[in-house]
Amino acid sequence: MRRRTMDRPVEIELETRRRIYDFVVANPGSHLRAIKDELDMPMGQLEYHLHYLEKRGLLDSKEDRYYKRFYPVEMSATDRRLLSAIRQEKPRQIVLIVLQGPGIDHKTLQMEMAIGASSLSFYMKDLIVKEVIDKRREGRRSLYTVNDPDRIVKLLITYRPSFLDKMVDRFLETWLDVGS
C-alpha cells in the first residue's frame, strides 16, 4: 500500500522524480528532449523516472508524430490534443494569427507567416486533423478559424510561462486588453 508523506504521493518523494513531475505539470505536452534540456538531466536517468511515473499512474504520454509528449494524468484528452499542437512554434504562430483574424485565407496566412505554401499546407493539415483549426471553402479560397478559441486562449494564459514566446505574450496582452 502506498502512503503519502506531507500530502505528496510516495512515488514523487525522491527529489529527481519530484522535479520531473513538477516540470510536466507546469509544462504539459513537453517532449523528452525538452524536459532533458530544461532539467539538465542525463537521458537515461530521465527516461527511467518518466517510465516509473507513468507506471505509477502519475504521468501519461502520447506519441505525436516525431515526439513523445508527457502530461499529468488529470489533464483532459481535449487539452492534451490542443497543447500538442501549440507546443510547436510554427503551428502555434498559425493558431495565433488565425485567432486574431478569423476567416483568414490561405494566401494571407502564408504571407503573414512568410513560409512556403507547401510548408503551410503541411502544418494546416495537422491542425485540422487535431481539430484545432476549421477549414471552410468559399469559392476557390480556403478560410480558416480556430475551433475553440476560448479554450486555446485559456491554455495559452494558463501555461504562458512555458511557451517563452514573444508572439504569445503580445497576443495575450492584446487579447486581454480587448476583453477588459
C-alpha atoms as a PDB file:
ATOM      1  CA  MET A   1       0.000   0.000   0.000  1.00  0.00           C
ATOM      2  CA  ARG A   2       1.287   3.464  -0.910  1.00  0.00           C
ATOM      3  CA  ARG A   3       1.460   6.075   1.774  1.00  0.00           C
ATOM      4  CA  ARG A   4       1.523   9.789   1.433  1.00  0.00           C
ATOM      5  CA  THR A   5       4.032  11.900   3.237  1.00  0.00           C
ATOM      6  CA  MET A   6       3.110  15.546   3.731  1.00  0.00           C
ATOM      7  CA  ASP A   7       0.355  15.342   1.080  1.00  0.00           C
ATOM      8  CA  ARG A   8       2.757  14.045  -1.560  1.00  0.00           C
ATOM      9  CA  PRO A   9       2.455  10.592  -3.150  1.00  0.00           C
ATOM     10  CA  VAL A  10       5.331   8.341  -2.134  1.00  0.00           C
ATOM     11  CA  GLU A  11       6.239   7.997  -5.854  1.00  0.00           C
ATOM     12  CA  ILE A  12       7.455  11.612  -6.016  1.00  0.00           C
ATOM     13  CA  GLU A  13       9.232  11.887  -2.671  1.00  0.00           C
ATOM     14  CA  LEU A  14      12.542  11.387  -4.457  1.00  0.00           C
ATOM     15  CA  GLU A  15      13.795  14.853  -5.476  1.00  0.00           C
ATOM     16  CA  THR A  16      14.607  13.825  -9.060  1.00  0.00           C
ATOM     17  CA  ARG A  17      11.112  12.429  -9.615  1.00  0.00           C
ATOM     18  CA  ARG A  18       9.513  15.429  -7.982  1.00  0.00           C
ATOM     19  CA  ARG A  19      11.450  17.788 -10.292  1.00  0.00           C
ATOM     20  CA  ILE A  20      10.334  15.811 -13.348  1.00  0.00           C
ATOM     21  CA  TYR A  21       6.724  15.597 -12.166  1.00  0.00           C
ATOM     22  CA  ASP A  22       6.564  19.302 -11.264  1.00  0.00           C
ATOM     23  CA  PHE A  23       8.055  20.233 -14.638  1.00  0.00           C
ATOM     24  CA  VAL A  24       5.488  18.172 -16.576  1.00  0.00           C
ATOM     25  CA  VAL A  25       2.618  19.611 -14.515  1.00  0.00           C
ATOM     26  CA  ALA A  26       3.850  23.151 -15.257  1.00  0.00           C
ATOM     27  CA  ASN A  27       4.702  22.352 -18.909  1.00  0.00           C
ATOM     28  CA  PRO A  28       2.261  19.683 -20.112  1.00  0.00           C
ATOM     29  CA  GLY A  29       2.875  18.428 -23.619  1.00  0.00           C
ATOM     30  CA  SER A  30       6.641  18.813 -23.339  1.00  0.00           C
ATOM     31  CA  HIS A  31       8.634  16.179 -25.159  1.00  0.00           C
ATOM     32  CA  LEU A  32      11.516  14.104 -23.841  1.00  0.00           C
ATOM     33  CA  ARG A  33      14.403  16.223 -25.135  1.00  0.00           C
ATOM     34  CA  ALA A  34      12.797  19.484 -23.942  1.00  0.00           C
ATOM     35  CA  ILE A  35      12.418  18.006 -20.452  1.00  0.00           C
ATOM     36  CA  LYS A  36      16.014  16.731 -20.559  1.00  0.00           C
ATOM     37  CA  ASP A  37      17.367  20.114 -21.648  1.00  0.00           C
ATOM     38  CA  GLU A  38      15.311  22.119 -19.169  1.00  0.00           C
ATOM     39  CA  LEU A  39      16.120  19.898 -16.191  1.00  0.00           C
ATOM     40  CA  ASP A  40      19.723  19.301 -17.324  1.00  0.00           C
ATOM     41  CA  MET A  41      19.403  15.597 -16.656  1.00  0.00           C
ATOM     42  CA  PRO A  42      21.032  12.594 -18.357  1.00  0.00           C
ATOM     43  CA  MET A  43      18.674  10.983 -20.880  1.00  0.00           C
ATOM     44  CA  GLY A  44      18.820   7.504 -19.355  1.00  0.00           C
ATOM     45  CA  GLN A  45      18.018   8.786 -15.884  1.00  0.00           C
ATOM     46  CA  LEU A  46      15.140  10.902 -17.202  1.00  0.00           C
ATOM     47  CA  GLU A  47      13.672   8.019 -19.207  1.00  0.00           C
ATOM     48  CA  TYR A  48      13.852   5.732 -16.163  1.00  0.00           C
ATOM     49  CA  HIS A  49      11.994   8.183 -13.914  1.00  0.00           C
ATOM     50  CA  LEU A  50       9.408   9.126 -16.566  1.00  0.00           C
ATOM     51  CA  HIS A  51       8.678   5.427 -17.090  1.00  0.00           C
ATOM     52  CA  TYR A  52       8.380   4.968 -13.315  1.00  0.00           C
ATOM     53  CA  LEU A  53       5.959   7.912 -13.010  1.00  0.00           C
ATOM     54  CA  GLU A  54       3.881   6.571 -15.908  1.00  0.00           C
ATOM     55  CA  LYS A  55       3.689   3.061 -14.438  1.00  0.00           C
ATOM     56  CA  ARG A  56       2.579   4.541 -11.107  1.00  0.00           C
ATOM     57  CA  GLY A  57      -0.236   6.471 -12.810  1.00  0.00           C
ATOM     58  CA  LEU A  58       1.056  10.000 -12.168  1.00  0.00           C
ATOM     59  CA  LEU A  59       2.064  10.901 -15.729  1.00  0.00           C
ATOM     60  CA  ASP A  60       0.829   9.840 -19.118  1.00  0.00           C
ATOM     61  CA  SER A  61       2.461  10.073 -22.533  1.00  0.00           C
ATOM     62  CA  LYS A  62       1.285  10.178 -26.104  1.00  0.00           C
ATOM     63  CA  GLU A  63       3.184   9.760 -29.358  1.00  0.00           C
ATOM     64  CA  ASP A  64       2.799  12.859 -31.507  1.00  0.00           C
ATOM     65  CA  ARG A  65       4.388  12.390 -34.896  1.00  0.00           C
ATOM     66  CA  TYR A  66       8.111  12.721 -34.053  1.00  0.00           C
ATOM     67  CA  TYR A  67       7.726  13.328 -30.322  1.00  0.00           C
ATOM     68  CA  LYS A  68       6.571  11.536 -27.226  1.00  0.00           C
ATOM     69  CA  ARG A  69       4.764  14.150 -25.143  1.00  0.00           C
ATOM     70  CA  PHE A  70       4.132  13.926 -21.400  1.00  0.00           C
ATOM     71  CA  TYR A  71       1.082  15.074 -19.442  1.00  0.00           C
ATOM     72  CA  PRO A  72      -0.278  14.877 -15.913  1.00  0.00           C
ATOM     73  CA  VAL A  73      -2.921  12.120 -15.858  1.00  0.00           C
ATOM     74  CA  GLU A  74      -5.590  14.605 -14.736  1.00  0.00           C
ATOM     75  CA  MET A  75      -5.386  16.600 -17.986  1.00  0.00           C
ATOM     76  CA  SER A  76      -8.309  16.108 -20.365  1.00  0.00           C
ATOM     77  CA  ALA A  77      -7.819  14.489 -23.768  1.00  0.00           C
ATOM     78  CA  THR A  78      -9.005  17.708 -25.442  1.00  0.00           C
ATOM     79  CA  ASP A  79      -6.437  19.857 -23.642  1.00  0.00           C
ATOM     80  CA  ARG A  80      -3.716  17.307 -24.465  1.00  0.00           C
ATOM     81  CA  ARG A  81      -4.643  17.416 -28.151  1.00  0.00           C
ATOM     82  CA  LEU A  82      -4.672  21.215 -28.236  1.00  0.00           C
ATOM     83  CA  LEU A  83      -1.426  21.553 -26.287  1.00  0.00           C
ATOM     84  CA  SER A  84       0.347  19.052 -28.530  1.00  0.00           C
ATOM     85  CA  ALA A  85      -0.460  21.370 -31.440  1.00  0.00           C
ATOM     86  CA  ILE A  86       0.503  24.675 -29.827  1.00  0.00           C
ATOM     87  CA  ARG A  87       3.717  23.336 -28.243  1.00  0.00           C
ATOM     88  CA  GLN A  88       5.373  23.594 -31.671  1.00  0.00           C
ATOM     89  CA  GLU A  89       6.429  27.073 -32.758  1.00  0.00           C
ATOM     90  CA  LYS A  90       5.063  27.246 -36.330  1.00  0.00           C
ATOM     91  CA  PRO A  91       1.659  25.691 -35.557  1.00  0.00           C
ATOM     92  CA  ARG A  92       1.392  27.989 -32.518  1.00  0.00           C
ATOM     93  CA  GLN A  93       2.114  31.026 -34.723  1.00  0.00           C
ATOM     94  CA  ILE A  94      -0.554  29.878 -37.177  1.00  0.00           C
ATOM     95  CA  VAL A  95      -3.110  29.476 -34.384  1.00  0.00           C
ATOM     96  CA  LEU A  96      -2.296  32.939 -33.004  1.00  0.00           C
ATOM     97  CA  ILE A  97      -2.662  34.566 -36.430  1.00  0.00           C
ATOM     98  CA  VAL A  98      -5.975  32.783 -37.087  1.00  0.00           C
ATOM     99  CA  LEU A  99      -7.220  33.765 -33.608  1.00  0.00           C
ATOM    100  CA  GLN A 100      -6.508  37.407 -34.453  1.00  0.00           C
ATOM    101  CA  GLY A 101      -8.149  37.184 -37.872  1.00  0.00           C
ATOM    102  CA  PRO A 102     -10.866  34.525 -38.007  1.00  0.00           C
ATOM    103  CA  GLY A 103     -11.748  33.675 -41.597  1.00  0.00           C
ATOM    104  CA  ILE A 104      -8.218  34.386 -42.846  1.00  0.00           C
ATOM    105  CA  ASP A 105      -7.462  32.803 -46.209  1.00  0.00           C
ATOM    106  CA  HIS A 106      -4.523  30.573 -47.120  1.00  0.00           C
ATOM    107  CA  LYS A 107      -2.691  33.210 -49.183  1.00  0.00           C
ATOM    108  CA  THR A 108      -2.905  35.896 -46.485  1.00  0.00           C
ATOM    109  CA  LEU A 109      -1.834  33.415 -43.821  1.00  0.00           C
ATOM    110  CA  GLN A 110       1.095  32.346 -45.984  1.00  0.00           C
ATOM    111  CA  MET A 111       2.219  35.981 -46.374  1.00  0.00           C
ATOM    112  CA  GLU A 112       1.868  36.636 -42.615  1.00  0.00           C
ATOM    113  CA  MET A 113       3.884  33.518 -41.788  1.00  0.00           C
ATOM    114  CA  ALA A 114       6.455  34.174 -44.531  1.00  0.00           C
ATOM    115  CA  ILE A 115       6.689  30.462 -45.352  1.00  0.00           C
ATOM    116  CA  GLY A 116       6.127  28.422 -48.487  1.00  0.00           C
ATOM    117  CA  ALA A 117       2.680  27.230 -49.496  1.00  0.00           C
ATOM    118  CA  SER A 118       3.612  23.556 -49.093  1.00  0.00           C
ATOM    119  CA  SER A 119       5.013  24.137 -45.590  1.00  0.00           C
ATOM    120  CA  LEU A 120       1.874  25.998 -44.565  1.00  0.00           C
ATOM    121  CA  SER A 121      -0.306  23.222 -46.032  1.00  0.00           C
ATOM    122  CA  PHE A 122       1.662  20.643 -44.027  1.00  0.00           C
ATOM    123  CA  TYR A 123       1.028  22.497 -40.754  1.00  0.00           C
ATOM    124  CA  MET A 124      -2.598  23.255 -41.608  1.00  0.00           C
ATOM    125  CA  LYS A 125      -3.400  19.599 -42.329  1.00  0.00           C
ATOM    126  CA  ASP A 126      -2.060  18.638 -38.900  1.00  0.00           C
ATOM    127  CA  LEU A 127      -4.002  21.429 -37.158  1.00  0.00           C
ATOM    128  CA  ILE A 128      -7.191  20.408 -38.980  1.00  0.00           C
ATOM    129  CA  VAL A 129      -6.708  16.709 -38.101  1.00  0.00           C
ATOM    130  CA  LYS A 130      -6.174  17.690 -34.443  1.00  0.00           C
ATOM    131  CA  GLU A 131      -9.378  19.750 -34.707  1.00  0.00           C
ATOM    132  CA  VAL A 132      -7.614  22.948 -33.663  1.00  0.00           C
ATOM    133  CA  ILE A 133      -8.399  24.760 -36.919  1.00  0.00           C
ATOM    134  CA  ASP A 134     -11.516  24.554 -39.063  1.00  0.00           C
ATOM    135  CA  LYS A 135     -11.277  24.958 -42.833  1.00  0.00           C
ATOM    136  CA  ARG A 136     -14.181  26.142 -44.919  1.00  0.00           C
ATOM    137  CA  ARG A 137     -14.262  26.644 -48.675  1.00  0.00           C
ATOM    138  CA  GLU A 138     -15.589  29.819 -50.209  1.00  0.00           C
ATOM    139  CA  GLY A 139     -15.278  29.502 -53.959  1.00  0.00           C
ATOM    140  CA  ARG A 140     -11.628  28.771 -54.646  1.00  0.00           C
ATOM    141  CA  ARG A 141     -10.448  30.135 -51.305  1.00  0.00           C
ATOM    142  CA  SER A 142      -9.873  28.223 -48.083  1.00  0.00           C
ATOM    143  CA  LEU A 143     -10.844  30.184 -44.980  1.00  0.00           C
ATOM    144  CA  TYR A 144      -9.653  29.237 -41.510  1.00  0.00           C
ATOM    145  CA  THR A 145     -10.989  29.714 -37.993  1.00  0.00           C
ATOM    146  CA  VAL A 146      -9.964  28.316 -34.609  1.00  0.00           C
ATOM    147  CA  ASN A 147     -12.470  25.694 -33.421  1.00  0.00           C
ATOM    148  CA  ASP A 148     -12.451  26.525 -29.706  1.00  0.00           C
ATOM    149  CA  PRO A 149     -10.803  29.946 -29.328  1.00  0.00           C
ATOM    150  CA  ASP A 150     -11.739  30.370 -25.660  1.00  0.00           C
ATOM    151  CA  ARG A 151     -10.139  27.068 -24.712  1.00  0.00           C
ATOM    152  CA  ILE A 152      -6.979  27.826 -26.715  1.00  0.00           C
ATOM    153  CA  VAL A 153      -6.676  31.251 -25.062  1.00  0.00           C
ATOM    154  CA  LYS A 154      -7.231  29.669 -21.636  1.00  0.00           C
ATOM    155  CA  LEU A 155      -4.405  27.181 -22.312  1.00  0.00           C
ATOM    156  CA  LEU A 156      -2.138  29.992 -23.534  1.00  0.00           C
ATOM    157  CA  ILE A 157      -2.861  32.004 -20.380  1.00  0.00           C
ATOM    158  CA  THR A 158      -2.519  29.028 -18.028  1.00  0.00           C
ATOM    159  CA  TYR A 159       0.781  27.809 -19.487  1.00  0.00           C
ATOM    160  CA  ARG A 160       2.094  31.176 -20.716  1.00  0.00           C
ATOM    161  CA  PRO A 161       5.457  30.917 -18.902  1.00  0.00           C
ATOM    162  CA  SER A 162       6.143  27.563 -20.570  1.00  0.00           C
ATOM    163  CA  PHE A 163       5.970  28.952 -24.105  1.00  0.00           C
ATOM    164  CA  LEU A 164       8.775  31.531 -23.838  1.00  0.00           C
ATOM    165  CA  ASP A 165       7.456  33.160 -26.962  1.00  0.00           C
ATOM    166  CA  LYS A 166       7.178  36.915 -27.566  1.00  0.00           C
ATOM    167  CA  MET A 167       4.353  36.298 -30.043  1.00  0.00           C
ATOM    168  CA  VAL A 168       2.284  34.577 -27.315  1.00  0.00           C
ATOM    169  CA  ASP A 169       2.989  37.464 -24.929  1.00  0.00           C
ATOM    170  CA  ARG A 170       1.952  40.102 -27.497  1.00  0.00           C
ATOM    171  CA  PHE A 171      -1.173  38.164 -28.446  1.00  0.00           C
ATOM    172  CA  LEU A 172      -2.274  37.705 -24.833  1.00  0.00           C
ATOM    173  CA  GLU A 173      -1.626  41.363 -23.993  1.00  0.00           C
ATOM    174  CA  THR A 174      -3.842  42.399 -26.919  1.00  0.00           C
ATOM    175  CA  TRP A 175      -6.488  39.741 -26.189  1.00  0.00           C
ATOM    176  CA  LEU A 176      -6.678  40.626 -22.501  1.00  0.00           C
ATOM    177  CA  ASP A 177      -6.802  44.389 -23.236  1.00  0.00           C
ATOM    178  CA  VAL A 178      -9.702  43.910 -25.665  1.00  0.00           C
ATOM    179  CA  GLY A 179     -11.550  41.731 -23.140  1.00  0.00           C
ATOM    180  CA  SER A 180     -11.214  44.354 -20.373  1.00  0.00           C
END
